Amino acid sequence: MKVDQMKKKLRDLKKLEIKIRFSSQNIQANKVLVWNDFFSTKNVYDKEVRYNIAFLYECSHEEMKAIVDEYFAYVYYTYYRESGIILDEVFEPRILNKLGLPPTATWEEVKEKFRALAKIHHPDQGGNAKKFMEVYEAYKKLKNKK
């Protein structure tokens, strides 16, 4: 796939997000697209986004599918949150990502992952105190949501 084709596919994803989140409404100035955090078509090596074009160009079909799945999990989470229809078992994808979990993780998976990371990063076990606190804060936010 050429860079121009990649840019077109990314622009199509952006249009789809706009259609999902805003239907026929105009985008409000205070609404930020999830797309802006994930992709950019301006600079092939953009470091401000999660996946720049240079990285995407090197991805396999399966890796690209996983990236698009992750992107749409964020899009729908944002849409549900903005619409006020978030379910109890749906967690903030960014927090799940900090724990290394997929956007579809269950509460049981969150607890299991937290315990594993806590064992690794706990200062009493020779781990990094700062990393342990990041993991703990992420877990606490998810726990409060539950």
N, C-alpha and C. Protein backbone atom coordinates (compact mmCIF):
# COMPACT_ATOMS: atom_id res chain seq x y z
N MET A 1 0.85 -1.18 0.00
CA MET A 1 0.00 0.00 0.00
C MET A 1 0.89 1.24 0.00
N LYS A 2 0.56 2.19 -0.83
CA LYS A 2 1.33 3.43 -0.93
C LYS A 2 0.89 4.40 0.16
N VAL A 3 1.73 5.39 0.41
CA VAL A 3 1.45 6.38 1.45
C VAL A 3 0.15 7.12 1.15
N ASP A 4 -0.10 7.47 -0.10
CA ASP A 4 -1.34 8.16 -0.46
C ASP A 4 -2.56 7.30 -0.16
N GLN A 5 -2.46 6.01 -0.41
CA GLN A 5 -3.57 5.10 -0.11
C GLN A 5 -3.79 5.01 1.40
N MET A 6 -2.69 4.98 2.16
CA MET A 6 -2.78 4.93 3.62
C MET A 6 -3.47 6.19 4.14
N LYS A 7 -3.09 7.35 3.61
CA LYS A 7 -3.71 8.61 4.03
C LYS A 7 -5.20 8.61 3.72
N LYS A 8 -5.58 8.08 2.56
CA LYS A 8 -7.00 8.02 2.20
C LYS A 8 -7.77 7.13 3.18
N LYS A 9 -7.20 5.99 3.53
CA LYS A 9 -7.86 5.09 4.49
C LYS A 9 -8.00 5.77 5.86
N LEU A 10 -6.98 6.51 6.26
CA LEU A 10 -7.05 7.22 7.54
C LEU A 10 -8.11 8.32 7.51
N ARG A 11 -8.20 9.03 6.39
CA ARG A 11 -9.25 10.06 6.26
C ARG A 11 -10.63 9.42 6.28
N ASP A 12 -10.75 8.23 5.69
CA ASP A 12 -12.03 7.52 5.73
C ASP A 12 -12.41 7.14 7.17
N LEU A 13 -11.42 6.74 7.97
CA LEU A 13 -11.69 6.44 9.38
C LEU A 13 -12.18 7.68 10.11
N LYS A 14 -11.58 8.82 9.80
CA LYS A 14 -11.97 10.08 10.42
C LYS A 14 -13.42 10.41 10.07
N LYS A 15 -13.78 10.27 8.80
CA LYS A 15 -15.15 10.53 8.36
C LYS A 15 -16.13 9.60 9.06
N LEU A 16 -15.73 8.35 9.24
CA LEU A 16 -16.60 7.38 9.91
C LEU A 16 -16.80 7.75 11.38
N GLU A 17 -15.74 8.19 12.05
CA GLU A 17 -15.89 8.64 13.43
C GLU A 17 -16.86 9.80 13.52
N ILE A 18 -16.74 10.76 12.62
CA ILE A 18 -17.64 11.91 12.61
C ILE A 18 -19.07 11.46 12.41
N LYS A 19 -19.27 10.52 11.51
CA LYS A 19 -20.62 9.99 11.25
C LYS A 19 -21.18 9.28 12.48
N ILE A 20 -20.35 8.49 13.16
CA ILE A 20 -20.79 7.75 14.35
C ILE A 20 -21.11 8.69 15.50
N ARG A 21 -20.20 9.59 15.79
CA ARG A 21 -20.34 10.43 16.98
C ARG A 21 -21.25 11.63 16.80
N PHE A 22 -21.36 12.14 15.60
CA PHE A 22 -22.09 13.39 15.42
C PHE A 22 -23.26 13.29 14.47
N SER A 23 -23.52 12.11 13.93
CA SER A 23 -24.61 11.89 12.98
C SER A 23 -24.65 12.99 11.94
N SER A 24 -25.77 13.67 11.85
CA SER A 24 -25.90 14.73 10.86
C SER A 24 -25.58 16.10 11.44
N GLN A 25 -25.23 16.14 12.73
CA GLN A 25 -24.90 17.40 13.37
C GLN A 25 -23.54 17.90 12.90
N ASN A 26 -23.33 19.18 13.00
CA ASN A 26 -22.00 19.73 12.74
C ASN A 26 -21.13 19.45 13.95
N ILE A 27 -19.85 19.28 13.72
CA ILE A 27 -18.93 19.05 14.83
C ILE A 27 -18.85 20.33 15.64
N GLN A 28 -19.04 20.19 16.93
CA GLN A 28 -18.94 21.35 17.81
C GLN A 28 -17.46 21.64 18.06
N ALA A 29 -17.14 22.90 18.21
CA ALA A 29 -15.74 23.32 18.36
C ALA A 29 -15.07 22.67 19.57
N ASN A 30 -15.82 22.40 20.63
CA ASN A 30 -15.22 21.84 21.84
C ASN A 30 -15.08 20.32 21.78
N LYS A 31 -15.54 19.69 20.72
CA LYS A 31 -15.44 18.24 20.58
C LYS A 31 -14.12 17.88 19.90
N VAL A 32 -13.38 17.02 20.53
CA VAL A 32 -12.10 16.58 19.97
C VAL A 32 -12.29 15.17 19.42
N LEU A 33 -11.79 14.97 18.24
CA LEU A 33 -11.90 13.64 17.63
C LEU A 33 -10.88 12.69 18.23
N VAL A 34 -11.30 11.46 18.45
CA VAL A 34 -10.39 10.41 18.89
C VAL A 34 -9.30 10.23 17.83
N TRP A 35 -9.69 10.40 16.58
CA TRP A 35 -8.78 10.25 15.45
C TRP A 35 -7.52 11.09 15.64
N ASN A 36 -7.67 12.29 16.19
CA ASN A 36 -6.53 13.20 16.36
C ASN A 36 -5.46 12.65 17.31
N ASP A 37 -5.86 11.80 18.25
CA ASP A 37 -4.90 11.17 19.16
C ASP A 37 -4.21 9.97 18.51
N PHE A 38 -4.90 9.35 17.58
CA PHE A 38 -4.39 8.11 16.97
C PHE A 38 -3.57 8.33 15.70
N PHE A 39 -4.03 9.21 14.82
CA PHE A 39 -3.45 9.29 13.48
C PHE A 39 -3.19 10.74 13.06
N SER A 40 -2.39 10.87 12.00
CA SER A 40 -2.14 12.16 11.37
C SER A 40 -1.80 11.89 9.91
N THR A 41 -2.28 12.75 9.02
CA THR A 41 -1.93 12.62 7.61
C THR A 41 -0.97 13.73 7.18
N LYS A 42 -0.61 14.60 8.10
CA LYS A 42 0.25 15.73 7.75
C LYS A 42 1.72 15.36 7.70
N ASN A 43 2.17 14.57 8.66
CA ASN A 43 3.59 14.24 8.77
C ASN A 43 3.72 12.73 8.90
N VAL A 44 4.47 12.12 8.02
CA VAL A 44 4.63 10.67 8.02
C VAL A 44 5.25 10.18 9.32
N TYR A 45 6.11 10.98 9.93
CA TYR A 45 6.81 10.58 11.16
C TYR A 45 6.31 11.33 12.39
N ASP A 46 5.07 11.75 12.40
CA ASP A 46 4.49 12.54 13.50
C ASP A 46 4.61 11.80 14.82
N LYS A 47 5.27 12.41 15.79
CA LYS A 47 5.46 11.81 17.11
C LYS A 47 4.33 12.17 18.09
N GLU A 48 3.44 13.06 17.67
CA GLU A 48 2.36 13.52 18.54
C GLU A 48 1.16 12.57 18.55
N VAL A 49 1.15 11.63 17.64
CA VAL A 49 0.03 10.70 17.55
C VAL A 49 0.48 9.30 17.95
N ARG A 50 -0.47 8.48 18.28
CA ARG A 50 -0.17 7.11 18.70
C ARG A 50 0.44 6.28 17.56
N TYR A 51 -0.14 6.40 16.37
CA TYR A 51 0.31 5.61 15.22
C TYR A 51 0.56 6.53 14.03
N ASN A 52 1.82 6.82 13.74
CA ASN A 52 2.11 7.65 12.58
C ASN A 52 2.10 6.79 11.31
N ILE A 53 2.11 7.44 10.18
CA ILE A 53 1.99 6.74 8.91
C ILE A 53 3.18 5.80 8.68
N ALA A 54 4.36 6.23 9.08
CA ALA A 54 5.55 5.38 8.91
C ALA A 54 5.36 4.06 9.66
N PHE A 55 4.84 4.13 10.88
CA PHE A 55 4.60 2.92 11.67
C PHE A 55 3.52 2.06 11.01
N LEU A 56 2.41 2.69 10.62
CA LEU A 56 1.31 1.95 10.01
C LEU A 56 1.73 1.28 8.72
N TYR A 57 2.59 1.93 7.98
CA TYR A 57 3.07 1.40 6.70
C TYR A 57 3.81 0.08 6.89
N GLU A 58 4.45 -0.09 8.04
CA GLU A 58 5.22 -1.30 8.34
C GLU A 58 4.37 -2.41 8.98
N CYS A 59 3.15 -2.11 9.35
CA CYS A 59 2.29 -3.08 10.04
C CYS A 59 1.80 -4.18 9.09
N SER A 60 1.65 -5.36 9.67
CA SER A 60 1.02 -6.45 8.93
C SER A 60 -0.48 -6.21 8.91
N HIS A 61 -1.19 -7.02 8.14
CA HIS A 61 -2.64 -6.91 8.07
C HIS A 61 -3.27 -7.12 9.45
N GLU A 62 -2.78 -8.11 10.18
CA GLU A 62 -3.33 -8.40 11.51
C GLU A 62 -3.05 -7.27 12.51
N GLU A 63 -1.86 -6.70 12.44
CA GLU A 63 -1.53 -5.58 13.33
C GLU A 63 -2.40 -4.37 13.00
N MET A 64 -2.62 -4.13 11.73
CA MET A 64 -3.47 -3.00 11.32
C MET A 64 -4.90 -3.22 11.79
N LYS A 65 -5.38 -4.44 11.70
CA LYS A 65 -6.73 -4.76 12.16
C LYS A 65 -6.84 -4.49 13.67
N ALA A 66 -5.83 -4.87 14.43
CA ALA A 66 -5.85 -4.63 15.88
C ALA A 66 -5.85 -3.14 16.20
N ILE A 67 -5.11 -2.35 15.43
CA ILE A 67 -5.07 -0.89 15.63
C ILE A 67 -6.44 -0.28 15.34
N VAL A 68 -7.07 -0.71 14.26
CA VAL A 68 -8.39 -0.19 13.91
C VAL A 68 -9.42 -0.61 14.96
N ASP A 69 -9.32 -1.84 15.46
CA ASP A 69 -10.22 -2.29 16.53
C ASP A 69 -10.04 -1.44 17.79
N GLU A 70 -8.80 -1.16 18.14
CA GLU A 70 -8.52 -0.32 19.31
C GLU A 70 -9.10 1.07 19.10
N TYR A 71 -8.89 1.62 17.92
CA TYR A 71 -9.40 2.95 17.60
C TYR A 71 -10.92 3.01 17.76
N PHE A 72 -11.63 2.03 17.20
CA PHE A 72 -13.08 2.06 17.29
C PHE A 72 -13.59 1.80 18.71
N ALA A 73 -12.84 1.06 19.51
CA ALA A 73 -13.21 0.90 20.92
C ALA A 73 -13.19 2.26 21.60
N TYR A 74 -12.18 3.07 21.31
CA TYR A 74 -12.11 4.42 21.87
C TYR A 74 -13.23 5.31 21.32
N VAL A 75 -13.49 5.20 20.02
CA VAL A 75 -14.55 6.01 19.40
C VAL A 75 -15.89 5.72 20.06
N TYR A 76 -16.24 4.44 20.20
CA TYR A 76 -17.54 4.09 20.78
C TYR A 76 -17.59 4.41 22.26
N TYR A 77 -16.49 4.21 22.98
CA TYR A 77 -16.47 4.58 24.39
C TYR A 77 -16.76 6.08 24.53
N THR A 78 -16.10 6.88 23.72
CA THR A 78 -16.30 8.33 23.76
C THR A 78 -17.74 8.69 23.41
N TYR A 79 -18.27 8.05 22.38
CA TYR A 79 -19.65 8.29 21.97
C TYR A 79 -20.62 7.94 23.10
N TYR A 80 -20.44 6.78 23.72
CA TYR A 80 -21.34 6.38 24.80
C TYR A 80 -21.22 7.32 26.00
N ARG A 81 -19.99 7.71 26.33
CA ARG A 81 -19.80 8.62 27.46
C ARG A 81 -20.47 9.97 27.19
N GLU A 82 -20.30 10.51 25.98
CA GLU A 82 -20.90 11.78 25.63
C GLU A 82 -22.42 11.69 25.58
N SER A 83 -22.93 10.52 25.26
CA SER A 83 -24.39 10.32 25.18
C SER A 83 -25.01 9.96 26.52
N GLY A 84 -24.16 9.72 27.52
CA GLY A 84 -24.67 9.36 28.84
C GLY A 84 -25.16 7.93 28.93
N ILE A 85 -24.66 7.04 28.09
CA ILE A 85 -25.12 5.65 28.12
C ILE A 85 -24.01 4.65 28.42
N ILE A 86 -23.03 5.08 29.22
CA ILE A 86 -21.95 4.18 29.61
C ILE A 86 -22.50 3.13 30.56
N LEU A 87 -22.15 1.90 30.30
CA LEU A 87 -22.54 0.78 31.14
C LEU A 87 -21.52 0.61 32.27
N ASP A 88 -21.94 -0.03 33.35
CA ASP A 88 -21.05 -0.22 34.49
C ASP A 88 -19.81 -1.03 34.15
N GLU A 89 -19.95 -2.00 33.28
CA GLU A 89 -18.84 -2.88 32.97
C GLU A 89 -17.96 -2.37 31.83
N VAL A 90 -18.18 -1.12 31.38
CA VAL A 90 -17.34 -0.55 30.33
C VAL A 90 -16.37 0.41 31.01
N PHE A 91 -15.08 0.16 30.81
CA PHE A 91 -14.06 0.96 31.47
C PHE A 91 -13.39 1.89 30.48
N GLU A 92 -12.80 2.95 31.01
CA GLU A 92 -12.07 3.93 30.20
C GLU A 92 -10.92 3.22 29.48
N PRO A 93 -10.92 3.22 28.15
CA PRO A 93 -9.87 2.51 27.40
C PRO A 93 -8.46 3.02 27.68
N ARG A 94 -8.29 4.31 27.93
CA ARG A 94 -6.94 4.84 28.19
C ARG A 94 -6.38 4.26 29.49
N ILE A 95 -7.23 4.09 30.49
CA ILE A 95 -6.76 3.52 31.75
C ILE A 95 -6.44 2.04 31.56
N LEU A 96 -7.30 1.33 30.83
CA LEU A 96 -7.02 -0.07 30.55
C LEU A 96 -5.70 -0.22 29.79
N ASN A 97 -5.44 0.69 28.89
CA ASN A 97 -4.21 0.66 28.11
C ASN A 97 -2.98 0.81 29.02
N LYS A 98 -3.09 1.65 30.06
CA LYS A 98 -1.98 1.82 31.01
C LYS A 98 -1.65 0.51 31.71
N LEU A 99 -2.67 -0.32 31.89
CA LEU A 99 -2.46 -1.62 32.52
C LEU A 99 -2.11 -2.71 31.51
N GLY A 100 -2.09 -2.34 30.24
CA GLY A 100 -1.77 -3.32 29.21
C GLY A 100 -2.94 -4.23 28.88
N LEU A 101 -4.15 -3.73 29.07
CA LEU A 101 -5.36 -4.53 28.82
C LEU A 101 -6.09 -4.01 27.59
N PRO A 102 -6.82 -4.89 26.91
CA PRO A 102 -7.61 -4.45 25.75
C PRO A 102 -8.83 -3.63 26.21
N PRO A 103 -9.41 -2.85 25.32
CA PRO A 103 -10.57 -2.03 25.68
C PRO A 103 -11.79 -2.85 26.11
N THR A 104 -11.79 -4.13 25.82
CA THR A 104 -12.93 -4.99 26.15
C THR A 104 -12.73 -5.77 27.45
N ALA A 105 -11.72 -5.41 28.23
CA ALA A 105 -11.38 -6.15 29.44
C ALA A 105 -12.52 -6.15 30.45
N THR A 106 -12.68 -7.27 31.14
CA THR A 106 -13.68 -7.41 32.19
C THR A 106 -13.06 -7.02 33.53
N TRP A 107 -13.90 -6.90 34.55
CA TRP A 107 -13.42 -6.56 35.88
C TRP A 107 -12.48 -7.64 36.41
N GLU A 108 -12.77 -8.89 36.13
CA GLU A 108 -11.91 -9.99 36.57
C GLU A 108 -10.52 -9.88 35.93
N GLU A 109 -10.47 -9.52 34.66
CA GLU A 109 -9.19 -9.34 33.97
C GLU A 109 -8.42 -8.15 34.56
N VAL A 110 -9.14 -7.10 34.92
CA VAL A 110 -8.50 -5.93 35.53
C VAL A 110 -7.85 -6.33 36.85
N LYS A 111 -8.59 -7.04 37.70
CA LYS A 111 -8.05 -7.45 39.00
C LYS A 111 -6.83 -8.35 38.83
N GLU A 112 -6.93 -9.29 37.92
CA GLU A 112 -5.82 -10.22 37.68
C GLU A 112 -4.57 -9.49 37.19
N LYS A 113 -4.75 -8.57 36.26
CA LYS A 113 -3.62 -7.82 35.72
C LYS A 113 -3.02 -6.91 36.78
N PHE A 114 -3.87 -6.27 37.59
CA PHE A 114 -3.37 -5.40 38.65
C PHE A 114 -2.51 -6.20 39.62
N ARG A 115 -2.97 -7.35 40.02
CA ARG A 115 -2.21 -8.18 40.98
C ARG A 115 -0.85 -8.56 40.40
N ALA A 116 -0.85 -8.92 39.11
CA ALA A 116 0.41 -9.32 38.47
C ALA A 116 1.38 -8.13 38.39
N LEU A 117 0.86 -6.96 38.00
CA LEU A 117 1.71 -5.77 37.91
C LEU A 117 2.16 -5.28 39.28
N ALA A 118 1.30 -5.41 40.27
CA ALA A 118 1.65 -4.99 41.63
C ALA A 118 2.81 -5.83 42.16
N LYS A 119 2.80 -7.11 41.87
CA LYS A 119 3.90 -7.99 42.31
C LYS A 119 5.22 -7.57 41.65
N ILE A 120 5.15 -7.18 40.40
CA ILE A 120 6.35 -6.79 39.66
C ILE A 120 6.90 -5.45 40.14
N HIS A 121 6.00 -4.47 40.32
CA HIS A 121 6.43 -3.09 40.57
C HIS A 121 6.42 -2.65 42.03
N HIS A 122 5.97 -3.50 42.94
CA HIS A 122 5.91 -3.10 44.34
C HIS A 122 7.32 -2.85 44.87
N PRO A 123 7.52 -1.70 45.55
CA PRO A 123 8.86 -1.36 46.05
C PRO A 123 9.42 -2.40 47.02
N ASP A 124 8.58 -3.07 47.79
CA ASP A 124 9.05 -4.10 48.72
C ASP A 124 9.60 -5.32 47.98
N GLN A 125 9.24 -5.45 46.71
CA GLN A 125 9.71 -6.56 45.89
C GLN A 125 10.85 -6.12 44.96
N GLY A 126 11.38 -4.92 45.19
CA GLY A 126 12.47 -4.41 44.38
C GLY A 126 12.01 -3.68 43.12
N GLY A 127 10.71 -3.36 43.05
CA GLY A 127 10.17 -2.69 41.89
C GLY A 127 10.29 -1.17 41.97
N ASN A 128 9.82 -0.52 40.94
CA ASN A 128 9.86 0.93 40.83
C ASN A 128 8.63 1.53 41.52
N ALA A 129 8.85 2.35 42.54
CA ALA A 129 7.74 2.94 43.30
C ALA A 129 6.85 3.82 42.43
N LYS A 130 7.47 4.58 41.52
CA LYS A 130 6.69 5.47 40.65
C LYS A 130 5.77 4.65 39.73
N LYS A 131 6.31 3.61 39.14
CA LYS A 131 5.51 2.74 38.26
C LYS A 131 4.40 2.05 39.06
N PHE A 132 4.72 1.62 40.28
CA PHE A 132 3.72 0.99 41.13
C PHE A 132 2.56 1.95 41.41
N MET A 133 2.88 3.22 41.69
CA MET A 133 1.83 4.20 41.97
C MET A 133 0.98 4.46 40.73
N GLU A 134 1.59 4.48 39.55
CA GLU A 134 0.82 4.64 38.31
C GLU A 134 -0.17 3.49 38.13
N VAL A 135 0.31 2.28 38.36
CA VAL A 135 -0.54 1.09 38.24
C VAL A 135 -1.66 1.14 39.28
N TYR A 136 -1.30 1.50 40.51
CA TYR A 136 -2.29 1.58 41.58
C TYR A 136 -3.35 2.63 41.30
N GLU A 137 -2.93 3.81 40.83
CA GLU A 137 -3.89 4.88 40.52
C GLU A 137 -4.84 4.45 39.40
N ALA A 138 -4.31 3.79 38.39
CA ALA A 138 -5.16 3.30 37.29
C ALA A 138 -6.17 2.29 37.82
N TYR A 139 -5.71 1.38 38.65
CA TYR A 139 -6.60 0.37 39.23
C TYR A 139 -7.67 1.03 40.10
N LYS A 140 -7.26 2.02 40.90
CA LYS A 140 -8.19 2.72 41.79
C LYS A 140 -9.29 3.41 40.98
N LYS A 141 -8.92 4.04 39.87
CA LYS A 141 -9.93 4.70 39.02
C LYS A 141 -10.92 3.68 38.46
N LEU A 142 -10.40 2.55 38.04
CA LEU A 142 -11.29 1.50 37.50
C LEU A 142 -12.17 0.92 38.60
N LYS A 143 -11.61 0.74 39.77
CA LYS A 143 -12.36 0.19 40.89
C LYS A 143 -13.48 1.15 41.32
N ASN A 144 -13.19 2.44 41.35
CA ASN A 144 -14.21 3.44 41.71
C ASN A 144 -15.33 3.46 40.69
N LYS A 145 -15.01 3.18 39.44
CA LYS A 145 -16.02 3.14 38.37
C LYS A 145 -16.97 1.97 38.58
N LYS A 146 -16.42 0.87 39.06
CA LYS A 146 -17.22 -0.34 39.27
C LYS A 146 -18.17 -0.11 40.38
